[in-house]
Every structure is written in C-alpha cells, then in structure tokens.
C-alpha atoms as a PDB file:
ATOM      1  CA  MET A   1      87.087  58.181 -46.498  1.00  0.00           C
ATOM      2  CA  ARG A   2      88.339  57.625 -42.968  1.00  0.00           C
ATOM      3  CA  VAL A   3      86.721  54.926 -40.784  1.00  0.00           C
ATOM      4  CA  GLU A   4      86.591  55.382 -37.008  1.00  0.00           C
ATOM      5  CA  VAL A   5      85.484  52.330 -35.014  1.00  0.00           C
ATOM      6  CA  SER A   6      84.969  52.588 -31.250  1.00  0.00           C
ATOM      7  CA  GLY A   7      86.430  49.880 -29.031  1.00  0.00           C
ATOM      8  CA  GLU A   8      82.937  48.717 -28.010  1.00  0.00           C
ATOM      9  CA  ALA A   9      81.861  48.432 -31.642  1.00  0.00           C
ATOM     10  CA  ALA A  10      85.010  46.524 -32.611  1.00  0.00           C
ATOM     11  CA  ALA A  11      84.419  44.046 -29.775  1.00  0.00           C
ATOM     12  CA  LEU A  12      80.743  43.591 -30.700  1.00  0.00           C
ATOM     13  CA  VAL A  13      81.533  43.031 -34.389  1.00  0.00           C
ATOM     14  CA  ALA A  14      84.366  40.614 -33.532  1.00  0.00           C
ATOM     15  CA  GLY A  15      81.986  38.613 -31.344  1.00  0.00           C
ATOM     16  CA  GLU A  16      79.493  38.327 -34.195  1.00  0.00           C
ATOM     17  CA  GLY A  17      81.786  37.179 -36.992  1.00  0.00           C
ATOM     18  CA  GLY A  18      84.161  40.113 -37.589  1.00  0.00           C
ATOM     19  CA  THR A  19      82.464  41.691 -40.633  1.00  0.00           C
ATOM     20  CA  LEU A  20      80.340  44.841 -40.561  1.00  0.00           C
ATOM     21  CA  TRP A  21      78.050  45.674 -43.495  1.00  0.00           C
ATOM     22  CA  VAL A  22      77.091  49.353 -43.951  1.00  0.00           C
ATOM     23  CA  TRP A  23      74.682  50.697 -46.597  1.00  0.00           C
ATOM     24  CA  ALA A  24      72.173  53.496 -47.159  1.00  0.00           C
ATOM     25  CA  SER A  25      68.484  52.666 -47.045  1.00  0.00           C
ATOM     26  CA  ARG A  26      65.293  54.629 -47.515  1.00  0.00           C
ATOM     27  CA  PRO A  27      62.546  53.728 -45.023  1.00  0.00           C
ATOM     28  CA  PRO A  28      59.264  52.536 -46.574  1.00  0.00           C
ATOM     29  CA  MET A  29      57.108  55.666 -46.371  1.00  0.00           C
ATOM     30  CA  CYS A  30      54.331  57.131 -48.447  1.00  0.00           C
ATOM     31  CA  CYS A  31      56.342  60.194 -49.460  1.00  0.00           C
ATOM     32  CA  GLY A  32      59.178  60.225 -51.982  1.00  0.00           C
ATOM     33  CA  GLY A  33      61.231  62.827 -50.111  1.00  0.00           C
ATOM     34  CA  THR A  34      62.238  60.614 -47.205  1.00  0.00           C
ATOM     35  CA  PRO A  35      66.000  60.915 -46.544  1.00  0.00           C
ATOM     36  CA  ALA A  36      68.199  57.843 -46.667  1.00  0.00           C
ATOM     37  CA  VAL A  37      69.678  56.595 -43.398  1.00  0.00           C
ATOM     38  CA  LEU A  38      72.711  54.414 -42.801  1.00  0.00           C
ATOM     39  CA  ARG A  39      72.131  50.807 -41.846  1.00  0.00           C
ATOM     40  CA  ALA A  40      74.803  48.729 -40.158  1.00  0.00           C
ATOM     41  CA  SER A  41      74.664  45.008 -39.493  1.00  0.00           C
ATOM     42  CA  THR A  42      76.937  42.088 -38.771  1.00  0.00           C
ATOM     43  CA  ALA A  43      74.643  39.956 -40.942  1.00  0.00           C
ATOM     44  CA  PRO A  44      74.998  40.486 -44.690  1.00  0.00           C
ATOM     45  CA  PRO A  45      72.064  42.118 -46.490  1.00  0.00           C
ATOM     46  CA  ALA A  46      70.063  40.216 -49.098  1.00  0.00           C
ATOM     47  CA  ASP A  47      71.717  42.159 -51.947  1.00  0.00           C
ATOM     48  CA  ARG A  48      75.503  42.028 -51.509  1.00  0.00           C
ATOM     49  CA  SER A  49      76.353  43.750 -54.791  1.00  0.00           C
ATOM     50  CA  GLY A  50      78.297  47.007 -54.812  1.00  0.00           C
ATOM     51  CA  PHE A  51      80.010  46.607 -51.443  1.00  0.00           C
ATOM     52  CA  ALA A  52      83.663  47.602 -51.134  1.00  0.00           C
ATOM     53  CA  ARG A  53      86.059  46.504 -48.419  1.00  0.00           C
ATOM     54  CA  ILE A  54      87.210  49.476 -46.334  1.00  0.00           C
ATOM     55  CA  PRO A  55      90.255  49.148 -44.070  1.00  0.00           C
ATOM     56  CA  ALA A  56      89.504  49.732 -40.389  1.00  0.00           C
ATOM     57  CA  ASP A  57      91.218  48.883 -37.104  1.00  0.00           C
ATOM     58  CA  GLY A  58      90.544  45.191 -36.539  1.00  0.00           C
ATOM     59  CA  VAL A  59      87.133  45.237 -38.263  1.00  0.00           C
ATOM     60  CA  ASP A  60      86.294  44.092 -41.770  1.00  0.00           C
ATOM     61  CA  VAL A  61      83.993  46.911 -42.952  1.00  0.00           C
ATOM     62  CA  ARG A  62      82.019  46.426 -46.170  1.00  0.00           C
ATOM     63  CA  PHE A  63      80.500  49.712 -47.401  1.00  0.00           C
ATOM     64  CA  ARG A  64      78.149  50.324 -50.320  1.00  0.00           C
ATOM     65  CA  PRO A  65      78.334  54.022 -51.241  1.00  0.00           C
ATOM     66  CA  PRO A  66      74.991  55.533 -52.243  1.00  0.00           C
ATOM     67  CA  GLY A  67      75.330  57.014 -55.710  1.00  0.00           C
ATOM     68  CA  GLY A  68      79.114  56.693 -55.543  1.00  0.00           C
ATOM     69  CA  ARG A  69      79.363  59.279 -52.732  1.00  0.00           C
ATOM     70  CA  CYS A  70      81.315  58.652 -49.540  1.00  0.00           C
ATOM     71  CA  PRO A  71      81.429  60.553 -46.253  1.00  0.00           C
ATOM     72  CA  ASP A  72      84.617  62.209 -45.078  1.00  0.00           C
ATOM     73  CA  VAL A  73      84.369  60.114 -41.896  1.00  0.00           C
ATOM     74  CA  LEU A  74      82.382  56.907 -41.404  1.00  0.00           C
ATOM     75  CA  GLN A  75      81.954  56.495 -37.659  1.00  0.00           C
ATOM     76  CA  VAL A  76      80.965  53.150 -36.126  1.00  0.00           C
ATOM     77  CA  ASP A  77      79.724  52.933 -32.549  1.00  0.00           C
ATOM     78  CA  VAL A  78      77.409  50.912 -30.294  1.00  0.00           C
ATOM     79  CA  HIS A  79      73.890  52.099 -29.485  1.00  0.00           C
ATOM     80  CA  GLY A  80      71.569  50.691 -26.814  1.00  0.00           C
ATOM     81  CA  ARG A  81      72.140  49.221 -23.374  1.00  0.00           C
ATOM     82  CA  ARG A  82      69.659  46.367 -23.141  1.00  0.00           C
ATOM     83  CA  ARG A  83      70.160  45.220 -26.718  1.00  0.00           C
ATOM     84  CA  PRO A  84      73.397  46.773 -27.934  1.00  0.00           C
ATOM     85  CA  ARG A  85      73.707  47.100 -31.694  1.00  0.00           C
ATOM     86  CA  VAL A  86      76.223  48.613 -34.043  1.00  0.00           C
ATOM     87  CA  GLU A  87      75.340  51.887 -35.759  1.00  0.00           C
ATOM     88  CA  ALA A  88      77.185  53.800 -38.456  1.00  0.00           C
ATOM     89  CA  TYR A  89      77.236  57.576 -38.849  1.00  0.00           C
ATOM     90  CA  TRP A  90      77.863  59.621 -42.010  1.00  0.00           C
ATOM     91  CA  ASP A  91      80.053  62.519 -40.813  1.00  0.00           C
ATOM     92  CA  GLY A  92      78.332  62.247 -37.413  1.00  0.00           C
ATOM     93  CA  CYS A  93      74.750  61.828 -38.733  1.00  0.00           C
ATOM     94  CA  LEU A  94      72.503  58.815 -39.289  1.00  0.00           C
ATOM     95  CA  ILE A  95      71.044  60.560 -42.330  1.00  0.00           C
ATOM     96  CA  VAL A  96      73.048  60.353 -45.547  1.00  0.00           C
ATOM     97  CA  MET A  97      74.116  63.865 -46.523  1.00  0.00           C
END
C-alpha cells in the first residue's frame, strides 16, 4: 500500500499532534447493505486495536485494514474551507472497495 499525503493535510495533522488514525466504519442505518466508508481523525478512536503504523511523508499514519484488505493507494487530503478536516480515500473513493 502506498500512502499519499497532501501538503495541506500534512500541515493540519502536524498542527494537531502529528498522528492520523484511519479506519473503515459502517454508518448506523436500518439496512445491512450499507457500504463502509473511511474515517480519518487526528484523535484516536475508542477502540485502538488492530491499527498498524504506515510510513508516510512526515505524518504518522495508523491504519486499521478492514478484513485484512488494503487499498493500492491510501490518499490523505483536506476537505472543507470553514472547518477544514482531514479525509482519507481508498484508491480515490471514500467508500471501501
């Protein structure tokens, strides 16, 4: 797996502690077929088990692969202008493929 971190994302993560946590999560919906989406946060999740350290340029990325699968490219970028936040993309998508 290759990790690509934009300059804006690296600066935002560095300003908030330097560690980025990325994991797959299913939104709470009534249907069982809801696809999992990637979550990214500079704050650690409640359950820290299963995370692996992934080397990235100047950012400490912790990634928990869903079902042992990894994307070819994990992209990290900033989304939002008023309240910028870090987002992670699985081969360019928010949805886990």
